[in-house]
Amino acid sequence: MLPAAMPAKRHLSLWFPRLAAERLLRLERGLPEAPFVVVEDQRGAQVIASMNGAAQAAGLTLGQPLRDGRAMCPGLTSRPANKLAEAAFLTTLRRWAGRFSPWVAEAAPDGLILDITGCAHLFGGEEGLAAQIDEDCAGLGLTVRLGLADTLGAAWALARYSGMEGGGHRSGDEIDQEARATRSRAVKRRHWTRGGAAPKARTEASAPRIAAPGQTRQAIGPLPVSALRLEPDTVEALTRLGLRRIEDLFGTPRAGLARRFGRHMVQRLDQALGVEPEPVSPARPPMRFAVRMGLPDPVGLEADLLASFDRLLPELCDRLTRAGRGARRVRAEFSRTDRTMQAVEAGLARPTADPHRIRPLLAMKLSDVDAGFGIDAVRLVAIQHEPVHAVQHRGHLDAGAKVAGTGPGAGLDDLLGRIGTRLGLEAMTRLHPAESHIPEKGATVVAAVFAPASTTWQAPARERPLRLWPPEPVMIPAAPLLPERFRWRGRDHAVAGASGPERIAPEWWLDDPGWRTGSRDYWVVTTERGERLWLYFAHGAAQSAGWFCQGVFA
């Protein structure tokens, strides 16, 4: 028995041409049914990036300056663009599109790509699937244009360019200046200038959105070359040669196209025709950890909210543990009876799935919660989490300390978490060892909670000062011998004792401006006032020699 043939690949492209504007219209229900645009800054000017149907009917265009739009339409309403919010909204639409196919990818910034192979029959065929998408988007208040074909590139082209005839300006070129390979086809395209009937431009309503299986070439042939997802410079160069439609490229030698316009242009054409595969790569769904509990009666006491944490935190931590994750930042959301919500967040110094470590940090934030007329629902979300790896214990004592939460570093982590809840985790820093023999480069400042405490500190060969600062000049004659008196910071100092010198050479493989004075001889100098200073004599290289003070000891 012969195996059943695999169904042909079918791809669906969804394009939301007014995504940014309609996203805001969904949020601001009070806006009138009037021209509305979304603007963004380009080269210091505000230009139209998205618009609704009323604005398009008024004659506004994308990329038009906002001042020109207001001159054409005095009642124009505008809002600034928010790229992050638009990307999040497109991610929400991707989850909605998962009802039609499990293979959904984003075609940023305003589209989706679906591999619907073997899925269309669940919705009454491809026409029924398209009708269902149109109906859903109309209910969501979104404008959508779709294209369906055998390849991803062809579906993308049909969604965005179906109904558009290939065109473009001549830029002053004559037909005699075009390539010989395209001249005969250009004459055929212009037959209507010699008395024939002019070609009729297809309207958006009559334009085919679905290319039948095996009819990709015929479906995308009349479309402009810009439908191949080419760069604007490439589209302009093709137009200057008279190659305005995709069908003009079908009979053109590929070697010449690749040599003149690059391999990328030929690759896009092959992907649209199915010669080169282009699979749909769906985004991996994010891992979400959240628990919610509705309350039978509104509450407002901190004790009641803590009791809800005691019920929710074990379940949230169990989910994190099963996934091998640890919460790094937890948010508590409180839904109030007046249909408003208030949220507080707590950060942890180390990822953990221990409810006993998360609860005290959330409890510290409860004083910021305004219960209003009462809270009727509590939700806990691990908005930031990281993988937690298993640790090999050195013995039963170490394992018991880990279980009890009293192991090495546990107390410090809890302290950092409490301080971070008050001041912010980014406000705490620590020193981390660096691979350098230069004193000021021996350690780097890192965030205390985002970098593990290092145990690889190596004691220097000699004592180092408690405080370091940029070298300050010392009024001493430029000689390597340490005198009995010197002047520094406007005061005279007498030397009571000194030890040294310790020679430190610069890093010859780096051009450090601070070390252009060459090698340094460091001295630990004790003054009569009891100060212990770190002085050095620079022998001079690109800069002149001299004495400097760089630090003080405890």
Protein backbone atom coordinates (compact mmCIF):
# COMPACT_ATOMS: atom_id res chain seq x y z
CA MET A 1 0.00 0.00 0.00
CA LEU A 2 1.46 3.34 -1.05
CA PRO A 3 1.79 6.00 1.66
CA ALA A 4 -0.53 8.97 1.42
CA ALA A 5 0.96 12.03 -0.24
CA MET A 6 1.94 14.89 2.00
CA PRO A 7 -0.31 17.92 1.59
CA ALA A 8 1.18 20.93 -0.14
CA LYS A 9 2.45 23.67 2.12
CA ARG A 10 0.05 26.58 2.57
CA HIS A 11 0.98 29.87 4.22
CA LEU A 12 -1.27 32.66 5.43
CA SER A 13 -0.05 36.23 5.90
CA LEU A 14 -2.01 38.70 8.03
CA TRP A 15 -1.27 42.39 7.67
CA PHE A 16 -2.68 45.00 10.03
CA PRO A 17 -2.07 48.28 8.17
CA ARG A 18 -3.58 50.42 10.95
CA LEU A 19 -2.27 48.50 13.94
CA ALA A 20 -0.85 51.43 15.93
CA ALA A 21 -3.88 53.67 15.45
CA GLU A 22 -6.48 51.01 16.11
CA ARG A 23 -4.64 49.83 19.22
CA LEU A 24 -5.07 53.27 20.76
CA LEU A 25 -8.67 53.54 19.55
CA ARG A 26 -9.42 50.32 21.41
CA LEU A 27 -8.01 51.82 24.61
CA GLU A 28 -9.54 55.29 24.26
CA ARG A 29 -13.16 54.49 23.58
CA GLY A 30 -14.12 58.12 24.10
CA LEU A 31 -12.39 59.35 20.95
CA PRO A 32 -14.83 60.59 18.30
CA GLU A 33 -15.18 58.92 14.91
CA ALA A 34 -12.91 61.53 13.35
CA PRO A 35 -9.52 61.52 11.64
CA PHE A 36 -6.98 60.04 14.05
CA VAL A 37 -3.24 59.53 13.50
CA VAL A 38 -0.24 58.18 15.38
CA VAL A 39 2.93 60.23 14.97
CA GLU A 40 6.59 59.47 15.51
CA ASP A 41 9.75 61.56 15.43
CA GLN A 42 11.87 61.33 12.29
CA ARG A 43 14.87 63.64 11.92
CA GLY A 44 13.45 66.12 14.40
CA ALA A 45 9.99 66.32 12.81
CA GLN A 46 6.72 64.61 13.72
CA VAL A 47 5.39 62.51 10.84
CA ILE A 48 2.34 60.29 10.50
CA ALA A 49 3.16 56.65 11.20
CA SER A 50 -0.37 55.20 11.33
CA MET A 51 -3.94 56.43 10.79
CA ASN A 52 -7.54 55.29 10.87
CA GLY A 53 -9.91 55.08 7.94
CA ALA A 54 -11.32 58.57 8.44
CA ALA A 55 -7.85 60.11 8.22
CA GLN A 56 -7.11 58.18 5.04
CA ALA A 57 -10.40 59.32 3.54
CA ALA A 58 -9.42 62.91 4.34
CA GLY A 59 -6.38 62.55 2.08
CA LEU A 60 -3.65 62.06 4.68
CA THR A 61 -0.73 59.78 3.86
CA LEU A 62 1.87 57.87 5.84
CA GLY A 63 5.12 59.75 6.29
CA GLN A 64 3.38 63.10 5.91
CA PRO A 65 4.42 65.80 8.41
CA LEU A 66 1.90 66.35 11.16
CA ARG A 67 1.75 70.08 10.47
CA ASP A 68 0.65 69.39 6.88
CA GLY A 69 -1.96 66.96 8.14
CA ARG A 70 -3.42 69.54 10.52
CA ALA A 71 -3.55 72.06 7.68
CA MET A 72 -5.55 69.61 5.56
CA CYS A 73 -7.72 68.40 8.45
CA PRO A 74 -8.14 70.96 11.28
CA GLY A 75 -10.02 68.49 13.52
CA LEU A 76 -7.21 65.94 13.42
CA THR A 77 -6.47 64.03 16.66
CA SER A 78 -2.96 62.68 17.20
CA ARG A 79 -1.15 60.49 19.71
CA PRO A 80 2.57 59.63 20.01
CA ALA A 81 3.78 56.21 18.87
CA ASN A 82 4.74 53.58 21.43
CA LYS A 83 6.83 50.89 19.77
CA LEU A 84 7.03 48.69 22.86
CA ALA A 85 3.26 48.73 23.39
CA GLU A 86 2.67 48.00 19.70
CA ALA A 87 5.06 45.04 19.83
CA ALA A 88 3.27 43.72 22.93
CA PHE A 89 -0.09 44.10 21.16
CA LEU A 90 1.24 42.17 18.15
CA THR A 91 2.32 39.41 20.54
CA THR A 92 -1.23 39.32 21.89
CA LEU A 93 -2.54 38.96 18.33
CA ARG A 94 -0.08 36.13 17.77
CA ARG A 95 -1.66 34.23 20.65
CA TRP A 96 -5.10 34.93 19.15
CA ALA A 97 -3.94 33.58 15.78
CA GLY A 98 -2.94 30.34 17.50
CA ARG A 99 -6.57 29.23 17.22
CA PHE A 100 -6.10 28.84 13.45
CA SER A 101 -2.68 27.16 13.43
CA PRO A 102 -0.05 26.14 15.97
CA TRP A 103 2.69 27.57 13.73
CA VAL A 104 2.45 31.35 14.06
CA ALA A 105 5.34 33.79 13.65
CA GLU A 106 5.49 37.56 13.83
CA ALA A 107 6.27 39.61 10.73
CA ALA A 108 7.23 42.74 12.63
CA PRO A 109 6.14 45.42 13.00
CA ASP A 110 2.54 44.93 11.83
CA GLY A 111 1.97 41.40 10.55
CA LEU A 112 1.74 37.69 11.28
CA ILE A 113 2.68 34.59 9.28
CA LEU A 114 0.82 31.28 9.74
CA ASP A 115 1.59 27.84 8.37
CA ILE A 116 -1.96 26.48 7.90
CA THR A 117 -1.01 23.24 6.18
CA GLY A 118 -3.74 20.73 7.11
CA CYS A 119 -5.70 23.27 9.18
CA ALA A 120 -8.04 24.96 6.70
CA HIS A 121 -10.61 22.10 6.62
CA LEU A 122 -11.38 22.75 10.29
CA PHE A 123 -12.92 26.09 9.28
CA GLY A 124 -14.73 25.02 6.11
CA GLY A 125 -11.83 25.45 3.72
CA GLU A 126 -9.53 28.33 2.97
CA GLU A 127 -12.37 30.69 2.05
CA GLY A 128 -14.11 29.87 5.32
CA LEU A 129 -10.87 30.43 7.22
CA ALA A 130 -10.41 33.83 5.58
CA ALA A 131 -14.01 34.76 6.37
CA GLN A 132 -13.57 33.73 10.00
CA ILE A 133 -10.43 35.90 10.33
CA ASP A 134 -12.25 38.87 8.79
CA GLU A 135 -15.12 38.41 11.22
CA ASP A 136 -12.86 38.12 14.27
CA CYS A 137 -10.83 41.20 13.33
CA ALA A 138 -13.98 43.20 12.70
CA GLY A 139 -15.17 42.29 16.19
CA LEU A 140 -11.79 43.38 17.60
CA GLY A 141 -11.97 46.70 15.77
CA LEU A 142 -8.95 45.87 13.58
CA THR A 143 -8.37 46.28 9.87
CA VAL A 144 -6.74 43.23 8.33
CA ARG A 145 -5.61 42.21 4.87
CA LEU A 146 -4.63 38.63 4.27
CA GLY A 147 -2.84 36.67 1.59
CA LEU A 148 -2.78 32.90 1.19
CA ALA A 149 -0.36 31.02 -1.06
CA ASP A 150 2.01 28.07 -1.24
CA THR A 151 5.00 30.08 -0.02
CA LEU A 152 5.59 32.55 2.76
CA GLY A 153 6.91 35.22 0.41
CA ALA A 154 3.94 34.95 -1.95
CA ALA A 155 1.44 35.16 0.91
CA TRP A 156 3.25 38.24 2.25
CA ALA A 157 3.12 39.86 -1.19
CA LEU A 158 -0.59 39.14 -1.72
CA ALA A 159 -1.52 40.54 1.70
CA ARG A 160 0.25 43.85 1.12
CA TYR A 161 0.20 44.39 -2.64
CA SER A 162 -2.78 42.52 -4.01
CA GLY A 163 -4.73 44.93 -6.22
CA MET A 164 -1.71 47.10 -7.04
CA GLU A 165 -0.32 47.12 -10.56
CA GLY A 166 3.41 47.25 -10.96
CA GLY A 167 4.49 50.81 -11.61
CA GLY A 168 7.03 53.43 -10.82
CA HIS A 169 8.38 56.64 -12.22
CA ARG A 170 10.75 56.69 -15.15
CA SER A 171 13.36 58.97 -13.55
CA GLY A 172 14.12 60.42 -16.98
CA ASP A 173 15.22 57.09 -18.57
CA GLU A 174 14.07 56.29 -22.11
CA ILE A 175 13.13 52.84 -23.36
CA ASP A 176 16.23 52.86 -25.58
CA GLN A 177 18.38 53.12 -22.47
CA GLU A 178 16.98 49.95 -20.89
CA ALA A 179 18.73 46.62 -20.93
CA ARG A 180 18.43 44.69 -24.17
CA ALA A 181 16.96 41.70 -22.33
CA THR A 182 14.02 43.79 -21.09
CA ARG A 183 13.38 45.92 -24.18
CA SER A 184 11.08 43.48 -25.97
CA ARG A 185 8.96 42.92 -22.86
CA ALA A 186 8.77 46.65 -22.25
CA VAL A 187 7.34 47.13 -25.75
CA LYS A 188 4.67 44.52 -25.04
CA ARG A 189 3.71 46.24 -21.82
CA ARG A 190 3.23 49.55 -23.59
CA HIS A 191 1.01 48.21 -26.38
CA TRP A 192 -1.87 50.32 -25.15
CA THR A 193 0.05 53.52 -26.02
CA ARG A 194 -0.37 52.61 -29.72
CA GLY A 195 -4.15 52.58 -29.62
CA GLY A 196 -4.91 49.48 -27.59
CA ALA A 197 -7.07 49.44 -24.47
CA ALA A 198 -5.35 50.58 -21.30
CA PRO A 199 -5.05 47.91 -18.60
CA LYS A 200 -7.59 48.17 -15.80
CA ALA A 201 -6.26 48.52 -12.28
CA ARG A 202 -7.77 46.00 -9.92
CA THR A 203 -9.54 47.33 -6.88
CA GLU A 204 -8.86 46.07 -3.36
CA ALA A 205 -12.23 44.35 -3.24
CA SER A 206 -11.71 42.49 -6.52
CA ALA A 207 -8.06 41.64 -5.94
CA PRO A 208 -7.48 37.93 -5.30
CA ARG A 209 -6.31 37.21 -1.79
CA ILE A 210 -5.92 33.46 -2.16
CA ALA A 211 -3.59 31.85 -4.68
CA ALA A 212 -4.76 28.35 -5.59
CA PRO A 213 -2.28 25.54 -4.98
CA GLY A 214 0.32 25.53 -7.72
CA GLN A 215 -0.71 28.99 -8.99
CA THR A 216 1.86 31.06 -7.13
CA ARG A 217 3.62 32.32 -10.25
CA GLN A 218 0.39 33.52 -11.87
CA ALA A 219 -0.82 35.15 -8.64
CA ILE A 220 2.24 37.26 -7.86
CA GLY A 221 3.32 38.00 -11.44
CA PRO A 222 1.30 41.25 -11.84
CA LEU A 223 2.45 42.61 -8.46
CA PRO A 224 5.18 45.28 -8.21
CA VAL A 225 8.74 44.18 -7.53
CA SER A 226 8.57 45.82 -4.09
CA ALA A 227 6.32 42.90 -3.08
CA LEU A 228 9.46 40.72 -2.98
CA ARG A 229 10.58 42.36 0.31
CA LEU A 230 13.47 44.17 -1.38
CA GLU A 231 15.38 47.21 -0.24
CA PRO A 232 14.11 50.57 -1.61
CA ASP A 233 17.37 51.13 -3.51
CA THR A 234 17.01 47.79 -5.26
CA VAL A 235 13.38 48.52 -6.16
CA GLU A 236 14.40 51.89 -7.59
CA ALA A 237 17.19 50.35 -9.67
CA LEU A 238 14.84 47.68 -11.07
CA THR A 239 12.25 50.32 -11.94
CA ARG A 240 14.81 52.40 -13.81
CA LEU A 241 15.50 49.39 -16.02
CA GLY A 242 11.81 48.84 -16.72
CA LEU A 243 11.50 45.80 -14.44
CA ARG A 244 8.41 46.99 -12.59
CA ARG A 245 6.45 43.77 -12.12
CA ILE A 246 7.52 40.47 -10.67
CA GLU A 247 6.65 38.73 -13.95
CA ASP A 248 9.31 40.86 -15.66
CA LEU A 249 11.92 38.95 -13.67
CA PHE A 250 10.73 35.45 -14.55
CA GLY A 251 12.59 35.21 -17.87
CA THR A 252 15.59 37.30 -16.92
CA PRO A 253 18.86 35.35 -16.47
CA ARG A 254 19.52 34.86 -12.77
CA ALA A 255 23.26 35.30 -13.09
CA GLY A 256 22.84 38.80 -14.46
CA LEU A 257 20.33 39.74 -11.77
CA ALA A 258 22.58 38.46 -9.00
CA ARG A 259 25.62 40.19 -10.46
CA ARG A 260 23.87 43.55 -10.74
CA PHE A 261 21.47 43.55 -7.76
CA GLY A 262 23.04 41.05 -5.37
CA ARG A 263 22.30 37.53 -4.23
CA HIS A 264 19.64 38.75 -1.78
CA MET A 265 17.35 39.93 -4.60
CA VAL A 266 17.48 36.55 -6.36
CA GLN A 267 16.96 34.76 -3.04
CA ARG A 268 13.76 36.72 -2.37
CA LEU A 269 12.44 35.80 -5.81
CA ASP A 270 13.27 32.12 -5.30
CA GLN A 271 11.61 32.16 -1.87
CA ALA A 272 8.43 33.66 -3.29
CA LEU A 273 8.31 31.04 -6.04
CA GLY A 274 9.12 28.13 -3.72
CA VAL A 275 12.50 27.34 -5.27
CA GLU A 276 14.26 28.07 -1.98
CA PRO A 277 12.48 26.98 1.22
CA GLU A 278 11.52 29.52 3.86
CA PRO A 279 9.89 27.77 6.83
CA VAL A 280 7.78 29.51 9.45
CA SER A 281 9.67 29.79 12.74
CA PRO A 282 7.12 30.34 15.50
CA ALA A 283 8.23 32.20 18.60
CA ARG A 284 8.53 30.11 21.72
CA PRO A 285 5.70 30.96 24.10
CA PRO A 286 6.97 32.70 27.23
CA MET A 287 6.95 30.88 30.54
CA ARG A 288 4.35 32.48 32.79
CA PHE A 289 3.91 31.80 36.48
CA ALA A 290 0.89 33.39 38.13
CA VAL A 291 -1.75 32.40 40.69
CA ARG A 292 -4.96 34.20 41.58
CA MET A 293 -7.49 33.96 44.37
CA GLY A 294 -10.88 35.63 44.59
CA LEU A 295 -12.09 36.68 48.02
CA PRO A 296 -15.69 36.04 49.14
CA ASP A 297 -15.87 39.45 50.83
CA PRO A 298 -13.81 42.61 50.28
CA VAL A 299 -10.90 42.97 52.70
CA GLY A 300 -8.64 45.85 53.63
CA LEU A 301 -6.48 44.72 56.56
CA GLU A 302 -2.84 43.80 56.15
CA ALA A 303 -3.42 40.59 58.11
CA ASP A 304 -5.99 39.48 55.54
CA LEU A 305 -3.64 40.21 52.66
CA LEU A 306 -0.84 38.30 54.39
CA ALA A 307 -3.20 35.37 54.80
CA SER A 308 -3.84 35.44 51.05
CA PHE A 309 -0.06 35.37 50.47
CA ASP A 310 0.15 32.27 52.67
CA ARG A 311 -2.38 30.57 50.39
CA LEU A 312 -0.93 31.69 47.05
CA LEU A 313 2.84 31.60 47.56
CA PRO A 314 3.17 27.82 48.07
CA GLU A 315 1.30 27.17 44.81
CA LEU A 316 3.37 29.73 42.91
CA CYS A 317 6.61 28.31 44.27
CA ASP A 318 5.55 24.75 43.44
CA ARG A 319 5.05 25.76 39.81
CA LEU A 320 8.45 27.42 39.73
CA THR A 321 10.10 24.38 41.27
CA ARG A 322 8.54 21.98 38.76
CA ALA A 323 9.85 24.15 35.92
CA GLY A 324 13.31 24.45 37.47
CA ARG A 325 12.98 28.22 37.82
CA GLY A 326 13.43 30.72 40.63
CA ALA A 327 11.61 34.04 41.03
CA ARG A 328 13.76 37.14 40.79
CA ARG A 329 10.95 39.69 40.95
CA VAL A 330 7.41 39.08 42.20
CA ARG A 331 4.43 41.37 41.73
CA ALA A 332 1.29 41.32 43.87
CA GLU A 333 -1.83 42.71 42.15
CA PHE A 334 -4.85 43.75 44.19
CA SER A 335 -8.20 44.13 42.40
CA ARG A 336 -10.48 46.57 44.22
CA THR A 337 -14.25 46.68 44.27
CA ASP A 338 -14.32 49.91 42.23
CA ARG A 339 -12.80 47.97 39.28
CA THR A 340 -9.35 49.46 39.74
CA MET A 341 -6.13 47.66 40.52
CA GLN A 342 -3.04 48.42 42.54
CA ALA A 343 0.20 46.49 42.39
CA VAL A 344 3.43 46.26 44.38
CA GLU A 345 6.68 44.56 43.45
CA ALA A 346 9.53 42.99 45.39
CA GLY A 347 12.92 41.97 44.06
CA LEU A 348 15.19 39.23 45.34
CA ALA A 349 18.96 39.13 45.46
CA ARG A 350 19.02 35.56 44.19
CA PRO A 351 16.43 33.55 42.25
CA THR A 352 14.45 31.39 44.65
CA ALA A 353 11.31 29.30 44.87
CA ASP A 354 11.15 29.47 48.67
CA PRO A 355 7.90 31.13 49.86
CA HIS A 356 9.48 31.98 53.22
CA ARG A 357 11.95 34.30 51.47
CA ILE A 358 9.41 35.97 49.20
CA ARG A 359 6.72 36.60 51.84
CA PRO A 360 8.70 39.05 54.05
CA LEU A 361 9.62 41.19 51.06
CA LEU A 362 6.01 41.44 49.88
CA ALA A 363 4.89 42.18 53.44
CA MET A 364 7.20 45.20 53.52
CA LYS A 365 5.32 46.65 50.55
CA LEU A 366 1.81 46.28 51.97
CA SER A 367 2.02 49.71 53.61
CA ASP A 368 1.92 51.22 50.11
CA VAL A 369 -1.39 49.52 49.24
CA ASP A 370 -4.56 51.61 49.36
CA ALA A 371 -7.47 49.20 49.75
CA GLY A 372 -10.07 51.84 48.91
CA PHE A 373 -13.54 50.34 49.37
CA GLY A 374 -12.06 46.85 49.65
CA ILE A 375 -9.99 44.29 47.79
CA ASP A 376 -11.84 41.34 46.30
CA ALA A 377 -9.05 39.50 44.41
CA VAL A 378 -5.29 38.97 44.85
CA ARG A 379 -2.93 37.82 42.10
CA LEU A 380 0.76 36.93 42.40
CA VAL A 381 2.98 36.96 39.30
CA ALA A 382 6.63 36.02 38.93
CA ILE A 383 7.37 38.72 36.38
CA GLN A 384 11.08 37.89 36.30
CA HIS A 385 12.48 34.42 36.84
CA GLU A 386 15.69 32.57 36.11
CA PRO A 387 16.76 28.94 35.94
CA VAL A 388 17.90 27.39 39.19
CA HIS A 389 20.52 24.66 38.89
CA ALA A 390 21.13 21.84 41.29
CA VAL A 391 24.11 22.22 43.64
CA GLN A 392 26.39 19.39 44.70
CA HIS A 393 26.63 19.51 48.51
CA ARG A 394 29.88 18.75 50.26
CA GLY A 395 28.25 16.76 53.04
CA HIS A 396 25.21 16.28 55.24
CA LEU A 397 25.91 19.46 57.21
CA ASP A 398 26.04 21.58 54.04
CA ALA A 399 22.89 19.96 52.66
CA GLY A 400 21.03 20.60 55.91
CA ALA A 401 22.10 24.23 55.91
CA LYS A 402 20.84 24.64 52.35
CA VAL A 403 17.48 23.14 53.23
CA ALA A 404 17.17 25.32 56.32
CA GLY A 405 18.18 28.42 54.39
CA THR A 406 21.15 29.10 56.63
CA GLY A 407 23.95 28.12 54.28
CA PRO A 408 26.83 30.40 53.24
CA GLY A 409 25.47 33.56 51.67
CA ALA A 410 21.84 32.95 52.60
CA GLY A 411 21.79 35.65 55.27
CA LEU A 412 23.49 38.14 52.95
CA ASP A 413 20.98 37.40 50.19
CA ASP A 414 18.08 38.03 52.55
CA LEU A 415 19.68 41.28 53.72
CA LEU A 416 20.22 42.45 50.15
CA GLY A 417 16.63 41.60 49.33
CA ARG A 418 15.32 43.66 52.24
CA ILE A 419 17.53 46.65 51.43
CA GLY A 420 16.65 46.36 47.75
CA THR A 421 12.95 46.43 48.59
CA ARG A 422 13.47 49.77 50.30
CA LEU A 423 16.05 51.42 48.06
CA GLY A 424 15.95 49.44 44.83
CA LEU A 425 18.14 46.54 43.79
CA GLU A 426 20.10 48.72 41.36
CA ALA A 427 21.21 51.06 44.17
CA MET A 428 23.49 48.45 45.79
CA THR A 429 26.95 47.77 44.38
CA ARG A 430 29.94 45.63 45.30
CA LEU A 431 33.55 45.25 44.21
CA HIS A 432 34.51 42.35 41.97
CA PRO A 433 38.13 41.30 41.35
CA ALA A 434 39.64 42.15 37.98
CA GLU A 435 42.62 40.65 36.18
CA SER A 436 45.04 43.56 36.38
CA HIS A 437 48.12 44.49 38.41
CA ILE A 438 47.32 48.20 38.12
CA PRO A 439 46.05 49.42 41.54
CA GLU A 440 43.03 51.35 40.25
CA LYS A 441 42.08 48.45 37.97
CA GLY A 442 42.28 45.72 40.57
CA ALA A 443 38.51 45.72 41.11
CA THR A 444 35.39 46.74 39.20
CA VAL A 445 32.12 48.03 40.60
CA VAL A 446 29.17 45.75 39.77
CA ALA A 447 25.58 45.46 40.93
CA ALA A 448 25.46 43.60 44.22
CA VAL A 449 22.47 41.41 43.39
CA PHE A 450 23.21 40.69 39.72
CA ALA A 451 26.75 39.42 40.20
CA PRO A 452 27.74 36.61 42.58
CA ALA A 453 30.13 37.37 45.41
CA SER A 454 33.61 36.34 44.34
CA THR A 455 35.86 34.24 46.55
CA THR A 456 38.89 34.51 44.24
CA TRP A 457 40.36 37.64 45.81
CA GLN A 458 44.13 37.42 45.86
CA ALA A 459 46.00 39.46 48.42
CA PRO A 460 48.52 41.83 46.79
CA ALA A 461 52.19 41.47 47.47
CA ARG A 462 52.12 44.64 49.57
CA GLU A 463 49.55 46.56 51.53
CA ARG A 464 47.08 48.62 49.52
CA PRO A 465 45.39 51.89 50.67
CA LEU A 466 41.85 51.96 51.96
CA ARG A 467 40.88 54.82 49.64
CA LEU A 468 42.08 55.52 46.11
CA TRP A 469 41.60 58.70 44.09
CA PRO A 470 42.98 60.07 40.82
CA PRO A 471 46.65 61.03 41.20
CA GLU A 472 47.15 64.47 42.68
CA PRO A 473 50.46 66.36 42.19
CA VAL A 474 52.81 66.74 45.14
CA MET A 475 55.15 69.73 45.34
CA ILE A 476 58.51 67.92 45.40
CA PRO A 477 61.48 68.35 43.05
CA ALA A 478 61.33 65.83 40.20
CA ALA A 479 63.90 63.43 41.65
CA PRO A 480 63.38 59.78 42.67
CA LEU A 481 64.63 60.38 46.23
CA LEU A 482 61.89 60.97 48.83
CA PRO A 483 62.60 64.26 50.69
CA GLU A 484 61.91 64.97 54.34
CA ARG A 485 59.16 67.50 53.61
CA PHE A 486 56.60 67.94 50.82
CA ARG A 487 53.57 70.09 50.04
CA TRP A 488 50.23 68.53 49.11
CA ARG A 489 46.70 69.98 48.99
CA GLY A 490 47.99 73.38 50.05
CA ARG A 491 49.65 72.13 53.25
CA ASP A 492 53.20 71.30 54.22
CA HIS A 493 53.83 67.76 55.49
CA ALA A 494 56.85 66.35 57.30
CA VAL A 495 57.85 62.73 56.71
CA ALA A 496 57.95 60.70 59.93
CA GLY A 497 58.50 57.34 58.27
CA ALA A 498 58.42 55.70 54.87
CA SER A 499 58.62 52.25 53.33
CA GLY A 500 59.30 51.41 49.74
CA PRO A 501 59.69 51.71 46.91
CA GLU A 502 57.41 49.28 45.05
CA ARG A 503 57.78 49.58 41.30
CA ILE A 504 54.67 49.07 39.14
CA ALA A 505 55.01 49.17 35.36
CA PRO A 506 52.17 50.18 33.02
CA GLU A 507 50.32 47.74 30.79
CA TRP A 508 52.42 48.05 27.66
CA TRP A 509 49.70 46.51 25.48
CA LEU A 510 47.26 49.34 26.35
CA ASP A 511 47.55 53.09 25.82
CA ASP A 512 46.17 54.31 29.14
CA PRO A 513 46.26 58.12 29.34
CA GLY A 514 46.73 57.94 33.10
CA TRP A 515 49.93 55.90 32.74
CA ARG A 516 51.73 57.91 30.08
CA THR A 517 54.17 59.04 32.76
CA GLY A 518 55.85 55.62 32.63
CA SER A 519 56.78 53.30 35.50
CA ARG A 520 55.95 54.31 39.06
CA ASP A 521 57.79 53.84 42.37
CA TYR A 522 55.22 53.70 45.20
CA TRP A 523 56.01 54.70 48.83
CA VAL A 524 53.96 54.34 52.01
CA VAL A 525 54.62 57.65 53.76
CA THR A 526 53.69 58.40 57.38
CA THR A 527 53.50 62.09 58.23
CA GLU A 528 53.98 63.78 61.60
CA ARG A 529 50.19 64.24 61.83
CA GLY A 530 49.77 60.46 61.71
CA GLU A 531 48.45 60.28 58.13
CA ARG A 532 49.57 57.33 56.02
CA LEU A 533 49.68 58.40 52.38
CA TRP A 534 50.43 56.50 49.20
CA LEU A 535 52.88 58.53 47.13
CA TYR A 536 54.64 57.56 43.95
CA PHE A 537 57.32 58.93 41.68
CA ALA A 538 56.57 58.70 37.96
CA HIS A 539 59.78 58.31 35.96
CA GLY A 540 58.33 59.98 32.87
CA ALA A 541 57.62 58.72 29.36
CA ALA A 542 55.14 60.52 27.10
CA GLN A 543 54.64 62.97 29.98
CA SER A 544 57.15 64.54 32.34
CA ALA A 545 58.27 62.97 35.59
CA GLY A 546 57.02 64.01 39.02
CA TRP A 547 55.61 63.08 42.42
CA PHE A 548 51.91 62.27 43.00
CA CYS A 549 49.62 61.15 45.83
CA GLN A 550 47.02 58.49 45.00
CA GLY A 551 45.54 57.17 48.24
CA VAL A 552 45.40 56.99 52.02
CA PHE A 553 45.67 54.03 54.37
CA ALA A 554 43.41 53.36 57.35
